[in-house]
Amino acid sequence: MQIRRYHADDEKGWVRCRALSFLDTAYYDNVLREKENYTNPAIELVAEINNQIVGLIDVECEQTPKTVCTGDRGLGGMIWHIAVHPDFQRMRIGEKLLHEAENMAKEKGISYLEAWTRDDQWVIHWYEKHGFVKGYSYLHVFIDHPEELKSINADLQFVQAWAHYAGDEKEKMKAAFHRTHDCSSFMKKI
């Protein structure tokens, strides 16, 4: 396995790896058709085996505190994407990508990393195992069941909606909607 910087011609493999790795997670419907570009400098790495992208990590690095990340510990790096192809999981690829990104982030003057994830316990455990501490959370609420969908007027009817809920009545929201996910921040000092 080789960990190297992402190149533009890796995009198709990057998208495939990310899409397949997210299928068995709470982010299964967060499908991207192209790789994002970042406003700030970014650490963009891929793991490759036999010319196949099998893992990836993208970290956008702040140049001014609190412009990308939510923490107030100096300059932060937001992990926008970290993924390992399902056929290559449990081989410590994600861990190796994270460590390489951490080393590169330190060289850029980044003092902490931040990531957000939904409520897959195995993902939460992975972040905690690698030194991240859970912070703020809010709900992702999906409104897509017939009884949840209400028309605003005769000309506009919801088919599906997705919302953020940051209020104090999370349990009430979870009871009202079939699909909700706690979306939590995780931070790690590096």
Protein backbone atom coordinates (compact mmCIF):
# COMPACT_ATOMS: atom_id res chain seq x y z
CA MET A 1 0.00 0.00 0.00
CA GLN A 2 1.16 3.50 -0.83
CA ILE A 3 -0.12 6.69 0.80
CA ARG A 4 0.38 9.68 -1.45
CA ARG A 5 -1.02 13.08 -2.30
CA TYR A 6 -4.25 13.19 -4.27
CA HIS A 7 -3.93 14.14 -7.97
CA ALA A 8 -6.75 15.39 -10.20
CA ASP A 9 -6.68 12.19 -12.26
CA ASP A 10 -7.54 10.25 -9.05
CA GLU A 11 -11.03 11.78 -8.95
CA LYS A 12 -12.96 8.79 -10.34
CA GLY A 13 -11.25 6.38 -7.94
CA TRP A 14 -11.71 8.83 -5.05
CA VAL A 15 -15.45 9.15 -5.74
CA ARG A 16 -15.88 5.37 -6.08
CA CYS A 17 -13.98 4.67 -2.86
CA ARG A 18 -15.97 7.26 -0.90
CA ALA A 19 -19.34 6.11 -2.28
CA LEU A 20 -18.69 2.44 -1.55
CA SER A 21 -17.28 3.11 1.92
CA PHE A 22 -20.34 5.15 2.92
CA LEU A 23 -22.91 2.51 1.85
CA ASP A 24 -22.95 0.74 5.21
CA THR A 25 -23.05 3.93 7.28
CA ALA A 26 -25.66 6.48 8.35
CA TYR A 27 -24.30 8.63 5.48
CA TYR A 28 -25.35 6.04 2.86
CA ASP A 29 -27.32 8.59 0.86
CA ASN A 30 -24.65 11.31 0.94
CA VAL A 31 -23.35 10.46 -2.53
CA LEU A 32 -20.95 12.80 -4.30
CA ARG A 33 -20.47 12.78 -8.06
CA GLU A 34 -17.21 14.73 -7.94
CA LYS A 35 -14.53 15.57 -5.42
CA GLU A 36 -14.90 18.86 -3.61
CA ASN A 37 -12.44 21.73 -3.88
CA TYR A 38 -11.53 23.71 -0.79
CA THR A 39 -11.26 27.45 -0.15
CA ASN A 40 -8.24 27.04 2.15
CA PRO A 41 -5.11 24.93 1.70
CA ALA A 42 -5.95 21.26 2.14
CA ILE A 43 -4.23 17.99 2.88
CA GLU A 44 -5.65 15.55 0.35
CA LEU A 45 -4.26 12.03 0.56
CA VAL A 46 -5.16 8.69 -0.96
CA ALA A 47 -4.15 5.15 -0.15
CA GLU A 48 -3.48 3.06 -3.22
CA ILE A 49 -3.05 -0.68 -3.72
CA ASN A 50 -2.35 -2.04 -7.20
CA ASN A 51 -3.39 1.26 -8.83
CA GLN A 52 -6.74 1.27 -6.99
CA ILE A 53 -7.75 4.03 -4.57
CA VAL A 54 -8.65 2.13 -1.39
CA GLY A 55 -8.66 4.97 1.13
CA LEU A 56 -8.76 8.75 1.34
CA ILE A 57 -8.60 11.68 3.71
CA ASP A 58 -9.25 15.36 3.03
CA VAL A 59 -8.38 17.96 5.67
CA GLU A 60 -9.05 21.65 5.01
CA CYS A 61 -6.57 23.76 6.99
CA GLU A 62 -7.56 27.09 8.48
CA GLN A 63 -5.46 30.15 7.86
CA THR A 64 -7.54 32.15 10.34
CA PRO A 65 -9.03 30.51 13.46
CA LYS A 66 -12.76 29.61 13.43
CA THR A 67 -13.20 30.09 9.67
CA VAL A 68 -13.55 26.37 8.92
CA CYS A 69 -13.58 24.67 12.32
CA THR A 70 -15.72 25.40 15.36
CA GLY A 71 -13.06 25.07 18.04
CA ASP A 72 -11.08 27.86 19.63
CA ARG A 73 -7.76 26.11 20.11
CA GLY A 74 -5.80 28.00 17.46
CA LEU A 75 -5.74 26.93 13.82
CA GLY A 76 -7.84 23.87 13.06
CA GLY A 77 -8.02 21.31 10.31
CA MET A 78 -11.47 20.04 9.29
CA ILE A 79 -11.60 16.41 8.20
CA TRP A 80 -14.20 16.65 5.48
CA HIS A 81 -13.74 13.10 4.23
CA ILE A 82 -12.08 9.98 5.53
CA ALA A 83 -13.03 6.68 3.95
CA VAL A 84 -11.74 3.18 3.29
CA HIS A 85 -13.10 0.96 0.51
CA PRO A 86 -15.15 -1.86 2.12
CA ASP A 87 -12.96 -4.58 0.58
CA PHE A 88 -9.93 -3.10 2.33
CA GLN A 89 -11.31 -2.23 5.76
CA ARG A 90 -9.77 -3.59 8.97
CA MET A 91 -6.27 -3.18 7.51
CA ARG A 92 -5.47 0.05 9.45
CA ILE A 93 -5.60 2.11 6.25
CA GLY A 94 -7.74 4.84 7.86
CA GLU A 95 -5.35 5.01 10.80
CA LYS A 96 -2.34 5.35 8.49
CA LEU A 97 -4.07 8.08 6.48
CA LEU A 98 -4.97 9.92 9.69
CA HIS A 99 -1.40 9.76 11.04
CA GLU A 100 0.07 11.03 7.77
CA ALA A 101 -2.48 13.87 7.66
CA GLU A 102 -1.71 14.75 11.30
CA ASN A 103 2.01 15.01 10.56
CA MET A 104 1.38 17.21 7.54
CA ALA A 105 -1.10 19.36 9.51
CA LYS A 106 1.47 19.95 12.27
CA GLU A 107 3.93 21.18 9.64
CA LYS A 108 1.29 23.71 8.52
CA GLY A 109 0.81 25.02 12.07
CA ILE A 110 -2.51 23.26 12.67
CA SER A 111 -3.04 22.62 16.39
CA TYR A 112 -6.17 20.43 16.27
CA LEU A 113 -8.31 18.37 13.95
CA GLU A 114 -12.10 18.42 13.86
CA ALA A 115 -14.47 15.92 12.28
CA TRP A 116 -18.25 15.49 12.22
CA THR A 117 -20.03 12.19 11.97
CA ARG A 118 -23.45 10.68 12.45
CA ASP A 119 -24.35 8.09 15.05
CA ASP A 120 -22.68 4.93 13.73
CA GLN A 121 -21.20 3.51 16.92
CA TRP A 122 -18.28 1.85 15.14
CA VAL A 123 -17.31 5.20 13.59
CA ILE A 124 -17.62 7.01 16.92
CA HIS A 125 -15.49 4.30 18.53
CA TRP A 126 -12.85 4.72 15.77
CA TYR A 127 -12.56 8.45 16.42
CA GLU A 128 -12.37 7.94 20.19
CA LYS A 129 -9.77 5.18 19.77
CA HIS A 130 -7.62 7.64 17.82
CA GLY A 131 -7.73 10.35 20.48
CA PHE A 132 -10.71 12.43 19.39
CA VAL A 133 -13.08 13.79 22.03
CA LYS A 134 -16.78 14.22 21.35
CA GLY A 135 -18.09 17.77 21.43
CA TYR A 136 -21.27 19.50 20.28
CA SER A 137 -24.05 17.57 18.53
CA TYR A 138 -27.32 18.30 16.78
CA LEU A 139 -29.81 16.20 14.82
CA HIS A 140 -30.02 15.46 11.14
CA VAL A 141 -33.75 14.94 10.53
CA PHE A 142 -34.99 13.24 7.36
CA ILE A 143 -38.63 13.84 6.52
CA ASP A 144 -39.67 11.26 3.97
CA HIS A 145 -42.53 9.12 5.26
CA PRO A 146 -46.06 9.84 4.05
CA GLU A 147 -47.33 10.92 7.45
CA GLU A 148 -44.35 13.23 7.90
CA LEU A 149 -44.74 14.92 4.54
CA LYS A 150 -47.19 17.80 4.49
CA SER A 151 -47.96 20.09 1.62
CA ILE A 152 -47.42 23.81 2.05
CA ASN A 153 -50.08 24.56 -0.52
CA ALA A 154 -51.81 22.84 -3.41
CA ASP A 155 -48.96 23.65 -5.81
CA LEU A 156 -46.04 22.54 -3.65
CA GLN A 157 -45.84 19.16 -1.97
CA PHE A 158 -42.81 17.81 -0.20
CA VAL A 159 -41.48 14.52 -1.45
CA GLN A 160 -38.49 14.48 0.83
CA ALA A 161 -36.72 16.98 3.11
CA TRP A 162 -33.62 17.01 5.27
CA ALA A 163 -33.12 19.40 8.15
CA HIS A 164 -30.78 20.29 11.02
CA TYR A 165 -32.30 20.47 14.50
CA ALA A 166 -30.19 22.20 17.15
CA GLY A 167 -32.88 22.65 19.79
CA ASP A 168 -33.23 21.17 23.27
CA GLU A 169 -35.95 18.60 22.49
CA LYS A 170 -33.98 15.95 20.60
CA GLU A 171 -36.00 13.05 21.99
CA LYS A 172 -39.25 14.67 20.86
CA MET A 173 -37.81 15.08 17.36
CA LYS A 174 -36.58 11.48 17.32
CA ALA A 175 -40.08 10.30 18.25
CA ALA A 176 -41.72 12.44 15.57
CA PHE A 177 -39.58 11.31 12.64
CA HIS A 178 -38.55 7.85 11.47
CA ARG A 179 -35.00 8.77 10.49
CA THR A 180 -32.89 11.03 12.66
CA HIS A 181 -29.17 10.93 13.35
CA ASP A 182 -27.12 12.62 16.02
CA CYS A 183 -24.41 14.49 14.15
CA SER A 184 -21.50 15.07 16.53
CA SER A 185 -18.23 16.90 16.37
CA PHE A 186 -15.02 15.21 17.42
CA MET A 187 -11.81 17.11 18.10
CA LYS A 188 -8.24 16.02 18.63
CA LYS A 189 -5.29 18.12 19.66
CA ILE A 190 -2.26 17.33 17.52
